[in-house]
Each structure stands twice: as structure tokens, then as C-alpha cells.
Amino acid sequence: MNIFRNDGVEFTSINANFTEDGTLKISGQDMGPFVEKYWGDDDYEYWLFIPKDSVEPFILNLMKISFNNEKSITFGDCKEILEDNAIEHIFDFCI
């Protein structure tokens, strides 16, 4: 399911889905001049994999942040929630 999309010059797309084993997969893709300047390539893809048993604490912490924040939640915020709360996950990326 696409949960965020910005079709501007700095393109970003974020998707979320569950795998067959219940893992929550959040994936993103950025493209544009900033990505090319920062990474040396115009395409950057990244993923968070949150095992089934870690989804509940992640969602509760995500809701806590969301309800107390006026700005949109980003992929980076999701990664930070997982790290700050020692919630099991895997982060990976590809340039």
C-alpha cells in the first residue's frame, strides 16, 4: 500500500505491507537532484523490516508520536522510534 508520495522534483514514495510471516515491511524510494548530489546516484531505495512480534510496540510508539506531533511522520521517524525503543528491526538500503 502506498502511504506517501511526492511527485515533485525531489520524488519520494513510501510503501507499507505485511509479508507472509507477518513482518511489517516499510519501503521507500527517493529520486532527484538532492539524492544525486548526496549519494552520487539519482535513485536511493531503503527498507525497514519489523518482525511480527515487534509490530505492536512499534505501532503503539508510532501512535504516541503521531498524536503529539503537528508534522507528518517520516521514514526517518519510524527508524528512530525503532532504535530509541530498542524494538527489533532490520534496516537496509541500496544506492
Protein backbone atom coordinates (compact mmCIF):
# COMPACT_ATOMS: atom_id res chain seq x y z
CA MET A 1 0.00 0.00 0.00
CA ASN A 2 1.40 3.39 -0.90
CA ILE A 3 1.30 5.52 2.29
CA PHE A 4 3.12 8.61 0.98
CA ARG A 5 4.02 10.01 -2.40
CA ASN A 6 5.59 13.28 -3.50
CA ASP A 7 5.81 13.58 -7.28
CA GLY A 8 7.85 16.79 -7.23
CA VAL A 9 11.39 17.35 -8.48
CA GLU A 10 12.51 15.59 -5.29
CA PHE A 11 10.41 12.42 -5.70
CA THR A 12 9.62 10.26 -2.66
CA SER A 13 7.42 7.19 -2.40
CA ILE A 14 6.82 5.20 0.80
CA ASN A 15 5.00 1.85 0.84
CA ALA A 16 3.96 -0.47 3.66
CA ASN A 17 2.80 -4.06 3.56
CA PHE A 18 2.91 -7.28 5.55
CA THR A 19 4.87 -10.29 4.34
CA GLU A 20 3.50 -13.84 4.60
CA ASP A 21 5.17 -14.35 8.00
CA GLY A 22 3.61 -11.17 9.47
CA THR A 23 6.68 -8.95 9.13
CA LEU A 24 5.82 -5.31 8.50
CA LYS A 25 7.86 -4.02 5.57
CA ILE A 26 8.14 -0.27 5.07
CA SER A 27 9.98 0.64 1.88
CA GLY A 28 10.93 3.92 0.33
CA GLN A 29 12.43 5.36 -2.81
CA ASP A 30 13.87 8.85 -3.28
CA MET A 31 14.93 10.32 -6.61
CA GLY A 32 16.07 13.73 -7.74
CA PRO A 33 18.87 16.27 -7.64
CA PHE A 34 19.42 16.12 -3.86
CA VAL A 35 19.77 12.32 -3.93
CA GLU A 36 22.20 12.54 -6.84
CA LYS A 37 24.27 15.21 -5.07
CA TYR A 38 24.31 13.35 -1.73
CA TRP A 39 24.65 9.74 -2.93
CA GLY A 40 26.17 10.18 -6.40
CA ASP A 41 23.19 8.41 -7.97
CA ASP A 42 19.71 9.70 -8.72
CA ASP A 43 17.95 6.77 -7.02
CA TYR A 44 18.02 5.71 -3.34
CA GLU A 45 15.92 2.82 -2.01
CA TYR A 46 15.55 1.81 1.64
CA TRP A 47 13.63 -0.68 3.79
CA LEU A 48 12.59 -1.38 7.34
CA PHE A 49 11.58 -4.92 8.26
CA ILE A 50 9.74 -5.20 11.58
CA PRO A 51 9.12 -8.81 12.74
CA LYS A 52 5.57 -9.80 13.67
CA ASP A 53 6.29 -9.77 17.42
CA SER A 54 7.70 -6.23 17.19
CA VAL A 55 4.83 -4.68 15.22
CA GLU A 56 2.65 -3.98 18.26
CA PRO A 57 5.23 -1.98 20.26
CA PHE A 58 6.22 -0.15 17.09
CA ILE A 59 2.61 0.83 16.28
CA LEU A 60 1.93 1.98 19.86
CA ASN A 61 5.07 4.14 19.91
CA LEU A 62 4.27 5.46 16.42
CA MET A 63 0.79 6.46 17.61
CA LYS A 64 2.23 8.17 20.68
CA ILE A 65 4.50 10.29 18.45
CA SER A 66 1.76 10.92 15.87
CA PHE A 67 -0.81 12.14 18.36
CA ASN A 68 1.69 14.57 19.90
CA ASN A 69 3.17 15.99 16.72
CA GLU A 70 1.89 18.57 14.24
CA LYS A 71 4.14 17.46 11.38
CA SER A 72 3.87 14.39 9.20
CA ILE A 73 5.70 11.25 10.28
CA THR A 74 8.63 10.33 8.04
CA PHE A 75 10.50 7.12 7.29
CA GLY A 76 13.34 8.53 9.43
CA ASP A 77 10.91 8.98 12.33
CA CYS A 78 9.88 5.32 12.04
CA LYS A 79 13.52 4.23 12.10
CA GLU A 80 14.18 6.48 15.11
CA ILE A 81 11.17 5.05 17.00
CA LEU A 82 12.51 1.55 16.46
CA GLU A 83 16.05 2.46 17.55
CA ASP A 84 15.08 4.64 20.52
CA ASN A 85 12.78 1.96 21.93
CA ALA A 86 15.08 -1.00 21.19
CA ILE A 87 12.39 -2.59 19.02
CA GLU A 88 13.72 -5.42 16.86
CA HIS A 89 14.02 -4.47 13.19
CA ILE A 90 16.26 -4.59 10.16
CA PHE A 91 17.19 -1.53 8.13
CA ASP A 92 18.69 -1.88 4.68
CA PHE A 93 19.27 0.37 1.70
CA CYS A 94 20.51 0.33 -1.87
CA ILE A 95 22.01 3.13 -3.96
